[in-house]
Amino acid sequence: MGMKTPSPFTAQLLRDGKWFVAFSPEFPEANGQALTEEAALESLRESILLLLEDRREDARANLGHGEKLVPLALS
């Protein structure tokens, strides 16, 4: 039985005064904000990438003896 290709992550956009704020249900710790929708989404993308890199660095720092990190593609 084959696995489905994962769908793209989702973003929730809201307007707060002159600002657009973006959140992702898949990454509740990340958010983005800007004066345009596209810029808010780009800010969210950057926030998610920083979060993933931070988690990867934490994982590297906490590797046990004989453990290693290997690339894992989702598609």
PDB file of N, CA and C in Angstrom:
ATOM      1  N   MET A   1       0.848  -1.173   0.000  1.00  0.00           N
ATOM      2  CA  MET A   1       0.000   0.000   0.000  1.00  0.00           C
ATOM      3  C   MET A   1       0.895   1.239   0.000  1.00  0.00           C
ATOM      4  N   GLY A   2       0.702   2.126  -0.986  1.00  0.00           N
ATOM      5  CA  GLY A   2       1.519   3.325  -1.103  1.00  0.00           C
ATOM      6  C   GLY A   2       1.006   4.452  -0.224  1.00  0.00           C
ATOM      7  N   MET A   3       1.927   5.308   0.147  1.00  0.00           N
ATOM      8  CA  MET A   3       1.564   6.472   0.964  1.00  0.00           C
ATOM      9  C   MET A   3       1.219   7.625   0.041  1.00  0.00           C
ATOM     10  N   LYS A   4       0.289   8.456   0.484  1.00  0.00           N
ATOM     11  CA  LYS A   4      -0.061   9.659  -0.259  1.00  0.00           C
ATOM     12  C   LYS A   4       1.055  10.691  -0.114  1.00  0.00           C
ATOM     13  N   THR A   5       1.255  11.484  -1.154  1.00  0.00           N
ATOM     14  CA  THR A   5       2.164  12.618  -1.056  1.00  0.00           C
ATOM     15  C   THR A   5       1.547  13.619  -0.089  1.00  0.00           C
ATOM     16  N   PRO A   6       2.341  14.128   0.872  1.00  0.00           N
ATOM     17  CA  PRO A   6       1.757  15.066   1.831  1.00  0.00           C
ATOM     18  C   PRO A   6       1.263  16.337   1.156  1.00  0.00           C
ATOM     19  N   SER A   7       0.162  16.850   1.655  1.00  0.00           N
ATOM     20  CA  SER A   7      -0.353  18.105   1.124  1.00  0.00           C
ATOM     21  C   SER A   7       0.457  19.261   1.694  1.00  0.00           C
ATOM     22  N   PRO A   8       0.383  20.415   1.056  1.00  0.00           N
ATOM     23  CA  PRO A   8       1.128  21.572   1.584  1.00  0.00           C
ATOM     24  C   PRO A   8       0.643  21.940   2.984  1.00  0.00           C
ATOM     25  N   PHE A   9       1.506  22.580   3.725  1.00  0.00           N
ATOM     26  CA  PHE A   9       1.098  23.105   5.024  1.00  0.00           C
ATOM     27  C   PHE A   9       0.061  24.200   4.812  1.00  0.00           C
ATOM     28  N   THR A  10      -0.687  24.503   5.831  1.00  0.00           N
ATOM     29  CA  THR A  10      -1.715  25.519   5.711  1.00  0.00           C
ATOM     30  C   THR A  10      -1.381  26.733   6.559  1.00  0.00           C
ATOM     31  N   ALA A  11      -1.956  27.858   6.171  1.00  0.00           N
ATOM     32  CA  ALA A  11      -1.775  29.109   6.917  1.00  0.00           C
ATOM     33  C   ALA A  11      -3.138  29.739   7.140  1.00  0.00           C
ATOM     34  N   GLN A  12      -3.297  30.309   8.294  1.00  0.00           N
ATOM     35  CA  GLN A  12      -4.504  31.063   8.624  1.00  0.00           C
ATOM     36  C   GLN A  12      -4.120  32.533   8.644  1.00  0.00           C
ATOM     37  N   LEU A  13      -4.826  33.336   7.866  1.00  0.00           N
ATOM     38  CA  LEU A  13      -4.543  34.769   7.781  1.00  0.00           C
ATOM     39  C   LEU A  13      -5.657  35.563   8.450  1.00  0.00           C
ATOM     40  N   LEU A  14      -5.279  36.578   9.181  1.00  0.00           N
ATOM     41  CA  LEU A  14      -6.271  37.487   9.721  1.00  0.00           C
ATOM     42  C   LEU A  14      -5.735  38.901   9.628  1.00  0.00           C
ATOM     43  N   ARG A  15      -6.650  39.830   9.634  1.00  0.00           N
ATOM     44  CA  ARG A  15      -6.272  41.235   9.565  1.00  0.00           C
ATOM     45  C   ARG A  15      -6.454  41.838  10.947  1.00  0.00           C
ATOM     46  N   ASP A  16      -5.444  42.571  11.392  1.00  0.00           N
ATOM     47  CA  ASP A  16      -5.491  43.252  12.682  1.00  0.00           C
ATOM     48  C   ASP A  16      -5.105  44.708  12.435  1.00  0.00           C
ATOM     49  N   GLY A  17      -6.100  45.534  12.218  1.00  0.00           N
ATOM     50  CA  GLY A  17      -5.821  46.918  11.846  1.00  0.00           C
ATOM     51  C   GLY A  17      -5.171  46.946  10.481  1.00  0.00           C
ATOM     52  N   LYS A  18      -4.010  47.589  10.387  1.00  0.00           N
ATOM     53  CA  LYS A  18      -3.321  47.643   9.093  1.00  0.00           C
ATOM     54  C   LYS A  18      -2.423  46.433   8.863  1.00  0.00           C
ATOM     55  N   TRP A  19      -2.319  45.545   9.828  1.00  0.00           N
ATOM     56  CA  TRP A  19      -1.423  44.388   9.751  1.00  0.00           C
ATOM     57  C   TRP A  19      -2.162  43.125   9.332  1.00  0.00           C
ATOM     58  N   PHE A  20      -1.471  42.266   8.598  1.00  0.00           N
ATOM     59  CA  PHE A  20      -1.917  40.909   8.342  1.00  0.00           C
ATOM     60  C   PHE A  20      -1.080  40.000   9.225  1.00  0.00           C
ATOM     61  N   VAL A  21      -1.721  39.046   9.873  1.00  0.00           N
ATOM     62  CA  VAL A  21      -1.038  38.104  10.759  1.00  0.00           C
ATOM     63  C   VAL A  21      -1.305  36.705  10.215  1.00  0.00           C
ATOM     64  N   ALA A  22      -0.264  35.887  10.145  1.00  0.00           N
ATOM     65  CA  ALA A  22      -0.373  34.533   9.611  1.00  0.00           C
ATOM     66  C   ALA A  22       0.074  33.516  10.660  1.00  0.00           C
ATOM     67  N   PHE A  23      -0.702  32.444  10.767  1.00  0.00           N
ATOM     68  CA  PHE A  23      -0.393  31.331  11.667  1.00  0.00           C
ATOM     69  C   PHE A  23      -0.486  30.037  10.873  1.00  0.00           C
ATOM     70  N   SER A  24       0.158  28.987  11.355  1.00  0.00           N
ATOM     71  CA  SER A  24       0.027  27.675  10.736  1.00  0.00           C
ATOM     72  C   SER A  24      -0.409  26.673  11.795  1.00  0.00           C
ATOM     73  N   PRO A  25      -1.522  25.960  11.577  1.00  0.00           N
ATOM     74  CA  PRO A  25      -1.949  24.957  12.555  1.00  0.00           C
ATOM     75  C   PRO A  25      -0.910  23.853  12.763  1.00  0.00           C
ATOM     76  N   GLU A  26      -0.113  23.583  11.721  1.00  0.00           N
ATOM     77  CA  GLU A  26       0.914  22.536  11.834  1.00  0.00           C
ATOM     78  C   GLU A  26       2.117  22.987  12.660  1.00  0.00           C
ATOM     79  N   PHE A  27       2.304  24.284  12.792  1.00  0.00           N
ATOM     80  CA  PHE A  27       3.428  24.849  13.553  1.00  0.00           C
ATOM     81  C   PHE A  27       2.898  25.950  14.467  1.00  0.00           C
ATOM     82  N   PRO A  28       2.226  25.595  15.551  1.00  0.00           N
ATOM     83  CA  PRO A  28       1.587  26.611  16.389  1.00  0.00           C
ATOM     84  C   PRO A  28       2.552  27.625  17.008  1.00  0.00           C
ATOM     85  N   GLU A  29       3.829  27.284  17.092  1.00  0.00           N
ATOM     86  CA  GLU A  29       4.799  28.214  17.679  1.00  0.00           C
ATOM     87  C   GLU A  29       5.228  29.306  16.709  1.00  0.00           C
ATOM     88  N   ALA A  30       4.941  29.118  15.418  1.00  0.00           N
ATOM     89  CA  ALA A  30       5.396  30.055  14.387  1.00  0.00           C
ATOM     90  C   ALA A  30       4.280  31.023  14.017  1.00  0.00           C
ATOM     91  N   ASN A  31       4.663  32.228  13.647  1.00  0.00           N
ATOM     92  CA  ASN A  31       3.705  33.204  13.134  1.00  0.00           C
ATOM     93  C   ASN A  31       4.450  34.226  12.287  1.00  0.00           C
ATOM     94  N   GLY A  32       3.706  34.957  11.503  1.00  0.00           N
ATOM     95  CA  GLY A  32       4.281  36.013  10.677  1.00  0.00           C
ATOM     96  C   GLY A  32       3.340  37.197  10.658  1.00  0.00           C
ATOM     97  N   GLN A  33       3.887  38.363  10.433  1.00  0.00           N
ATOM     98  CA  GLN A  33       3.043  39.554  10.312  1.00  0.00           C
ATOM     99  C   GLN A  33       3.695  40.545   9.369  1.00  0.00           C
ATOM    100  N   ALA A  34       2.853  41.281   8.665  1.00  0.00           N
ATOM    101  CA  ALA A  34       3.338  42.289   7.722  1.00  0.00           C
ATOM    102  C   ALA A  34       2.159  43.128   7.259  1.00  0.00           C
ATOM    103  N   LEU A  35       2.456  44.096   6.423  1.00  0.00           N
ATOM    104  CA  LEU A  35       1.420  45.002   5.928  1.00  0.00           C
ATOM    105  C   LEU A  35       0.656  44.456   4.728  1.00  0.00           C
ATOM    106  N   THR A  36       1.151  43.368   4.117  1.00  0.00           N
ATOM    107  CA  THR A  36       0.444  42.724   3.015  1.00  0.00           C
ATOM    108  C   THR A  36       0.292  41.236   3.325  1.00  0.00           C
ATOM    109  N   GLU A  37      -0.693  40.611   2.686  1.00  0.00           N
ATOM    110  CA  GLU A  37      -0.902  39.175   2.897  1.00  0.00           C
ATOM    111  C   GLU A  37       0.332  38.371   2.500  1.00  0.00           C
ATOM    112  N   GLU A  38       0.861  38.649   1.305  1.00  0.00           N
ATOM    113  CA  GLU A  38       2.016  37.875   0.829  1.00  0.00           C
ATOM    114  C   GLU A  38       3.227  38.053   1.740  1.00  0.00           C
ATOM    115  N   ALA A  39       3.465  39.258   2.204  1.00  0.00           N
ATOM    116  CA  ALA A  39       4.597  39.489   3.109  1.00  0.00           C
ATOM    117  C   ALA A  39       4.383  38.781   4.451  1.00  0.00           C
ATOM    118  N   ALA A  40       3.143  38.728   4.924  1.00  0.00           N
ATOM    119  CA  ALA A  40       2.858  38.004   6.167  1.00  0.00           C
ATOM    120  C   ALA A  40       3.100  36.511   5.984  1.00  0.00           C
ATOM    121  N   LEU A  41       2.710  35.974   4.810  1.00  0.00           N
ATOM    122  CA  LEU A  41       2.965  34.560   4.529  1.00  0.00           C
ATOM    123  C   LEU A  41       4.455  34.284   4.426  1.00  0.00           C
ATOM    124  N   GLU A  42       5.214  35.177   3.811  1.00  0.00           N
ATOM    125  CA  GLU A  42       6.670  35.006   3.720  1.00  0.00           C
ATOM    126  C   GLU A  42       7.292  35.064   5.115  1.00  0.00           C
ATOM    127  N   SER A  43       6.804  35.954   5.944  1.00  0.00           N
ATOM    128  CA  SER A  43       7.282  36.043   7.330  1.00  0.00           C
ATOM    129  C   SER A  43       7.003  34.735   8.071  1.00  0.00           C
ATOM    130  N   LEU A  44       5.818  34.148   7.835  1.00  0.00           N
ATOM    131  CA  LEU A  44       5.487  32.865   8.453  1.00  0.00           C
ATOM    132  C   LEU A  44       6.411  31.767   7.938  1.00  0.00           C
ATOM    133  N   ARG A  45       6.665  31.733   6.629  1.00  0.00           N
ATOM    134  CA  ARG A  45       7.597  30.734   6.058  1.00  0.00           C
ATOM    135  C   ARG A  45       8.956  30.818   6.741  1.00  0.00           C
ATOM    136  N   GLU A  46       9.468  32.025   6.868  1.00  0.00           N
ATOM    137  CA  GLU A  46      10.773  32.214   7.513  1.00  0.00           C
ATOM    138  C   GLU A  46      10.737  31.763   8.968  1.00  0.00           C
ATOM    139  N   SER A  47       9.649  32.048   9.657  1.00  0.00           N
ATOM    140  CA  SER A  47       9.501  31.636  11.045  1.00  0.00           C
ATOM    141  C   SER A  47       9.505  30.111  11.172  1.00  0.00           C
ATOM    142  N   ILE A  48       8.803  29.435  10.263  1.00  0.00           N
ATOM    143  CA  ILE A  48       8.763  27.969  10.278  1.00  0.00           C
ATOM    144  C   ILE A  48      10.149  27.397  10.002  1.00  0.00           C
ATOM    145  N   LEU A  49      10.854  27.951   9.021  1.00  0.00           N
ATOM    146  CA  LEU A  49      12.202  27.462   8.700  1.00  0.00           C
ATOM    147  C   LEU A  49      13.153  27.648   9.879  1.00  0.00           C
ATOM    148  N   LEU A  50      13.069  28.786  10.556  1.00  0.00           N
ATOM    149  CA  LEU A  50      13.905  29.012  11.747  1.00  0.00           C
ATOM    150  C   LEU A  50      13.562  28.024  12.855  1.00  0.00           C
ATOM    151  N   LEU A  51      12.292  27.755  13.037  1.00  0.00           N
ATOM    152  CA  LEU A  51      11.852  26.799  14.046  1.00  0.00           C
ATOM    153  C   LEU A  51      12.383  25.403  13.736  1.00  0.00           C
ATOM    154  N   LEU A  52      12.281  24.985  12.476  1.00  0.00           N
ATOM    155  CA  LEU A  52      12.791  23.672  12.090  1.00  0.00           C
ATOM    156  C   LEU A  52      14.299  23.569  12.282  1.00  0.00           C
ATOM    157  N   GLU A  53      15.030  24.606  11.914  1.00  0.00           N
ATOM    158  CA  GLU A  53      16.487  24.584  12.094  1.00  0.00           C
ATOM    159  C   GLU A  53      16.855  24.543  13.573  1.00  0.00           C
ATOM    160  N   ASP A  54      16.125  25.286  14.399  1.00  0.00           N
ATOM    161  CA  ASP A  54      16.377  25.274  15.844  1.00  0.00           C
ATOM    162  C   ASP A  54      16.141  23.878  16.424  1.00  0.00           C
ATOM    163  N   ARG A  55      15.066  23.237  15.987  1.00  0.00           N
ATOM    164  CA  ARG A  55      14.786  21.870  16.460  1.00  0.00           C
ATOM    165  C   ARG A  55      15.856  20.894  15.996  1.00  0.00           C
ATOM    166  N   ARG A  56      16.345  21.079  14.761  1.00  0.00           N
ATOM    167  CA  ARG A  56      17.404  20.214  14.235  1.00  0.00           C
ATOM    168  C   ARG A  56      18.687  20.395  15.044  1.00  0.00           C
ATOM    169  N   GLU A  57      19.023  21.626  15.373  1.00  0.00           N
ATOM    170  CA  GLU A  57      20.218  21.882  16.190  1.00  0.00           C
ATOM    171  C   GLU A  57      20.077  21.255  17.576  1.00  0.00           C
ATOM    172  N   ASP A  58      18.891  21.360  18.175  1.00  0.00           N
ATOM    173  CA  ASP A  58      18.652  20.722  19.471  1.00  0.00           C
ATOM    174  C   ASP A  58      18.824  19.212  19.370  1.00  0.00           C
ATOM    175  N   ALA A  59      18.300  18.619  18.290  1.00  0.00           N
ATOM    176  CA  ALA A  59      18.425  17.177  18.104  1.00  0.00           C
ATOM    177  C   ALA A  59      19.890  16.779  17.968  1.00  0.00           C
ATOM    178  N   ARG A  60      20.664  17.549  17.200  1.00  0.00           N
ATOM    179  CA  ARG A  60      22.100  17.258  17.053  1.00  0.00           C
ATOM    180  C   ARG A  60      22.809  17.327  18.399  1.00  0.00           C
ATOM    181  N   ALA A  61      22.490  18.330  19.181  1.00  0.00           N
ATOM    182  CA  ALA A  61      23.160  18.534  20.481  1.00  0.00           C
ATOM    183  C   ALA A  61      22.820  17.419  21.469  1.00  0.00           C
ATOM    184  N   ASN A  62      21.691  16.736  21.268  1.00  0.00           N
ATOM    185  CA  ASN A  62      21.251  15.721  22.229  1.00  0.00           C
ATOM    186  C   ASN A  62      21.382  14.295  21.722  1.00  0.00           C
ATOM    187  N   LEU A  63      22.173  14.098  20.665  1.00  0.00           N
ATOM    188  CA  LEU A  63      22.375  12.742  20.156  1.00  0.00           C
ATOM    189  C   LEU A  63      23.132  11.906  21.180  1.00  0.00           C
ATOM    190  N   GLY A  64      22.671  10.675  21.362  1.00  0.00           N
ATOM    191  CA  GLY A  64      23.361   9.741  22.245  1.00  0.00           C
ATOM    192  C   GLY A  64      24.453   8.992  21.508  1.00  0.00           C
ATOM    193  N   HIS A  65      25.208   8.213  22.242  1.00  0.00           N
ATOM    194  CA  HIS A  65      26.293   7.417  21.661  1.00  0.00           C
ATOM    195  C   HIS A  65      25.720   6.463  20.613  1.00  0.00           C
ATOM    196  N   GLY A  66      26.276   6.497  19.414  1.00  0.00           N
ATOM    197  CA  GLY A  66      25.844   5.610  18.340  1.00  0.00           C
ATOM    198  C   GLY A  66      24.609   6.106  17.591  1.00  0.00           C
ATOM    199  N   GLU A  67      24.052   7.246  17.987  1.00  0.00           N
ATOM    200  CA  GLU A  67      22.887   7.783  17.296  1.00  0.00           C
ATOM    201  C   GLU A  67      23.334   8.782  16.231  1.00  0.00           C
ATOM    202  N   LYS A  68      22.541   8.924  15.186  1.00  0.00           N
ATOM    203  CA  LYS A  68      22.839   9.905  14.153  1.00  0.00           C
ATOM    204  C   LYS A  68      21.538  10.417  13.554  1.00  0.00           C
ATOM    205  N   LEU A  69      21.599  11.562  12.943  1.00  0.00           N
ATOM    206  CA  LEU A  69      20.468  12.119  12.204  1.00  0.00           C
ATOM    207  C   LEU A  69      20.663  11.801  10.734  1.00  0.00           C
ATOM    208  N   VAL A  70      19.605  11.412  10.053  1.00  0.00           N
ATOM    209  CA  VAL A  70      19.657  11.117   8.626  1.00  0.00           C
ATOM    210  C   VAL A  70      18.537  11.877   7.935  1.00  0.00           C
ATOM    211  N   PRO A  71      18.725  12.301   6.689  1.00  0.00           N
ATOM    212  CA  PRO A  71      17.669  12.987   5.959  1.00  0.00           C
ATOM    213  C   PRO A  71      16.432  12.105   5.791  1.00  0.00           C
ATOM    214  N   LEU A  72      15.261  12.715   5.843  1.00  0.00           N
ATOM    215  CA  LEU A  72      14.004  12.001   5.688  1.00  0.00           C
ATOM    216  C   LEU A  72      13.088  12.818   4.788  1.00  0.00           C
ATOM    217  N   ALA A  73      12.856  12.339   3.578  1.00  0.00           N
ATOM    218  CA  ALA A  73      11.947  13.009   2.660  1.00  0.00           C
ATOM    219  C   ALA A  73      10.519  12.548   2.930  1.00  0.00           C
ATOM    220  N   LEU A  74       9.577  13.476   2.862  1.00  0.00           N
ATOM    221  CA  LEU A  74       8.182  13.128   3.108  1.00  0.00           C
ATOM    222  C   LEU A  74       7.427  12.777   1.827  1.00  0.00           C
ATOM    223  N   SER A  75       8.055  12.986   0.686  1.00  0.00           N
ATOM    224  CA  SER A  75       7.347  12.640  -0.559  1.00  0.00           C
ATOM    225  C   SER A  75       8.173  11.683  -1.378  1.00  0.00           C
TER     226      SER A  75
END
